[in-house]
C-alpha atoms as a PDB file:
ATOM      1  CA  MET A   1     -21.678  64.052 -30.446  1.00  0.00           C
ATOM      2  CA  ARG A   2     -18.086  63.351 -30.776  1.00  0.00           C
ATOM      3  CA  ARG A   3     -16.180  60.630 -32.211  1.00  0.00           C
ATOM      4  CA  ASP A   4     -14.771  59.518 -28.898  1.00  0.00           C
ATOM      5  CA  ASP A   5     -18.610  58.875 -27.695  1.00  0.00           C
ATOM      6  CA  ILE A   6     -19.191  56.778 -30.640  1.00  0.00           C
ATOM      7  CA  GLN A   7     -16.207  54.825 -29.946  1.00  0.00           C
ATOM      8  CA  SER A   8     -16.997  54.273 -26.353  1.00  0.00           C
ATOM      9  CA  LEU A   9     -20.344  52.951 -27.210  1.00  0.00           C
ATOM     10  CA  THR A  10     -18.724  50.575 -29.839  1.00  0.00           C
ATOM     11  CA  ARG A  11     -16.077  49.477 -27.439  1.00  0.00           C
ATOM     12  CA  ALA A  12     -18.271  48.624 -24.282  1.00  0.00           C
ATOM     13  CA  GLN A  13     -18.069  45.062 -23.144  1.00  0.00           C
ATOM     14  CA  PRO A  14     -20.624  43.717 -23.410  1.00  0.00           C
ATOM     15  CA  PHE A  15     -21.924  45.712 -26.355  1.00  0.00           C
ATOM     16  CA  THR A  16     -25.301  47.055 -25.919  1.00  0.00           C
ATOM     17  CA  ALA A  17     -27.344  47.962 -29.091  1.00  0.00           C
ATOM     18  CA  PHE A  18     -28.427  51.646 -29.236  1.00  0.00           C
ATOM     19  CA  ARG A  19     -30.466  54.048 -31.651  1.00  0.00           C
ATOM     20  CA  VAL A  20     -28.938  57.234 -33.302  1.00  0.00           C
ATOM     21  CA  THR A  21     -31.619  59.619 -33.916  1.00  0.00           C
ATOM     22  CA  LEU A  22     -30.894  62.943 -35.907  1.00  0.00           C
ATOM     23  CA  MET A  23     -32.170  66.172 -35.628  1.00  0.00           C
ATOM     24  CA  ASN A  24     -34.484  65.676 -38.898  1.00  0.00           C
ATOM     25  CA  GLY A  25     -35.968  62.605 -37.004  1.00  0.00           C
ATOM     26  CA  GLU A  26     -34.279  59.882 -39.078  1.00  0.00           C
ATOM     27  CA  GLU A  27     -33.424  56.937 -36.695  1.00  0.00           C
ATOM     28  CA  TYR A  28     -30.744  54.246 -37.033  1.00  0.00           C
ATOM     29  CA  ASP A  29     -30.472  50.996 -34.878  1.00  0.00           C
ATOM     30  CA  VAL A  30     -27.007  49.867 -34.336  1.00  0.00           C
ATOM     31  CA  HIS A  31     -27.082  46.054 -33.508  1.00  0.00           C
ATOM     32  CA  HIS A  32     -23.394  45.476 -33.778  1.00  0.00           C
ATOM     33  CA  PRO A  33     -20.114  47.487 -33.161  1.00  0.00           C
ATOM     34  CA  ASP A  34     -19.074  46.983 -36.559  1.00  0.00           C
ATOM     35  CA  MET A  35     -22.408  48.670 -37.808  1.00  0.00           C
ATOM     36  CA  ILE A  36     -20.922  52.203 -37.175  1.00  0.00           C
ATOM     37  CA  MET A  37     -17.887  53.963 -37.718  1.00  0.00           C
ATOM     38  CA  ALA A  38     -16.836  57.339 -36.618  1.00  0.00           C
ATOM     39  CA  THR A  39     -14.168  59.852 -37.853  1.00  0.00           C
ATOM     40  CA  ASN A  40     -13.443  63.573 -37.111  1.00  0.00           C
ATOM     41  CA  GLY A  41     -16.912  64.925 -38.069  1.00  0.00           C
ATOM     42  CA  MET A  42     -18.985  62.208 -39.510  1.00  0.00           C
ATOM     43  CA  ALA A  43     -20.082  58.768 -38.829  1.00  0.00           C
ATOM     44  CA  MET A  44     -20.906  55.982 -41.250  1.00  0.00           C
ATOM     45  CA  ILE A  45     -23.681  53.900 -40.237  1.00  0.00           C
ATOM     46  CA  ALA A  46     -24.632  50.356 -42.107  1.00  0.00           C
ATOM     47  CA  ARG A  47     -27.915  49.765 -42.938  1.00  0.00           C
ATOM     48  CA  PRO A  48     -28.654  45.796 -43.438  1.00  0.00           C
ATOM     49  CA  GLN A  49     -30.780  44.892 -46.487  1.00  0.00           C
ATOM     50  CA  GLN A  50     -34.567  45.282 -45.823  1.00  0.00           C
ATOM     51  CA  VAL A  51     -36.264  41.931 -45.220  1.00  0.00           C
ATOM     52  CA  ASP A  52     -39.131  42.786 -47.619  1.00  0.00           C
ATOM     53  CA  THR A  53     -36.932  43.903 -50.848  1.00  0.00           C
ATOM     54  CA  LEU A  54     -35.239  41.698 -53.368  1.00  0.00           C
ATOM     55  CA  ASP A  55     -32.148  43.984 -52.908  1.00  0.00           C
ATOM     56  CA  GLU A  56     -29.493  41.598 -51.372  1.00  0.00           C
ATOM     57  CA  ARG A  57     -27.245  44.650 -50.463  1.00  0.00           C
ATOM     58  CA  GLY A  58     -27.307  46.787 -47.484  1.00  0.00           C
ATOM     59  CA  SER A  59     -26.277  50.395 -47.734  1.00  0.00           C
ATOM     60  CA  VAL A  60     -24.238  53.162 -45.514  1.00  0.00           C
ATOM     61  CA  VAL A  61     -25.359  56.295 -44.747  1.00  0.00           C
ATOM     62  CA  ILE A  62     -22.993  58.944 -43.744  1.00  0.00           C
ATOM     63  CA  VAL A  63     -23.938  61.636 -41.415  1.00  0.00           C
ATOM     64  CA  SER A  64     -22.498  64.599 -39.532  1.00  0.00           C
ATOM     65  CA  LEU A  65     -21.721  64.038 -35.887  1.00  0.00           C
ATOM     66  CA  GLY A  66     -23.185  67.391 -35.401  1.00  0.00           C
ATOM     67  CA  LEU A  67     -26.484  66.274 -36.555  1.00  0.00           C
ATOM     68  CA  ILE A  68     -26.841  63.556 -34.127  1.00  0.00           C
ATOM     69  CA  GLN A  69     -29.535  64.763 -31.653  1.00  0.00           C
ATOM     70  CA  LYS A  70     -29.393  61.750 -29.210  1.00  0.00           C
ATOM     71  CA  VAL A  71     -28.544  58.099 -28.659  1.00  0.00           C
ATOM     72  CA  GLU A  72     -30.409  55.772 -26.499  1.00  0.00           C
ATOM     73  CA  PHE A  73     -30.024  52.258 -25.706  1.00  0.00           C
ATOM     74  CA  LEU A  74     -32.174  49.588 -27.277  1.00  0.00           C
ATOM     75  CA  THR A  75     -34.326  47.274 -24.759  1.00  0.00           C
ATOM     76  CA  PRO A  76     -34.251  43.835 -25.795  1.00  0.00           C
ATOM     77  CA  ASN A  77     -37.861  44.125 -26.713  1.00  0.00           C
ATOM     78  CA  ALA A  78     -37.116  47.288 -28.892  1.00  0.00           C
ATOM     79  CA  ALA A  79     -34.106  45.712 -30.918  1.00  0.00           C
ATOM     80  CA  SER A  80     -35.560  44.571 -34.046  1.00  0.00           C
ATOM     81  CA  PRO A  81     -33.251  44.192 -36.877  1.00  0.00           C
ATOM     82  CA  THR A  82     -35.156  46.747 -38.964  1.00  0.00           C
ATOM     83  CA  ASN A  83     -34.026  50.275 -39.511  1.00  0.00           C
ATOM     84  CA  ARG A  84     -36.475  53.315 -38.965  1.00  0.00           C
ATOM     85  CA  SER A  85     -34.978  55.767 -41.194  1.00  0.00           C
ATOM     86  CA  THR A  86     -37.166  57.301 -43.743  1.00  0.00           C
ATOM     87  CA  ALA A  87     -34.204  57.711 -46.154  1.00  0.00           C
END
């Protein structure tokens, strides 16, 4: 995956939510273009706070673009606000 690929996804009009799957099986749902930012070699993906925790903060995961196995668009039924990452 390249930085330009991520930028194309986030700049699409209208924006379509998508799921990033890493080589290790971790998945991150991106529901808004501001939830992901790509630079040369890496992507920063925002993870919103989990509904079932008392922690009011979200977090950011930084991943190598080379570790992204696939990106798939989310259908309206699959686009849930939860994050499937196990990390």
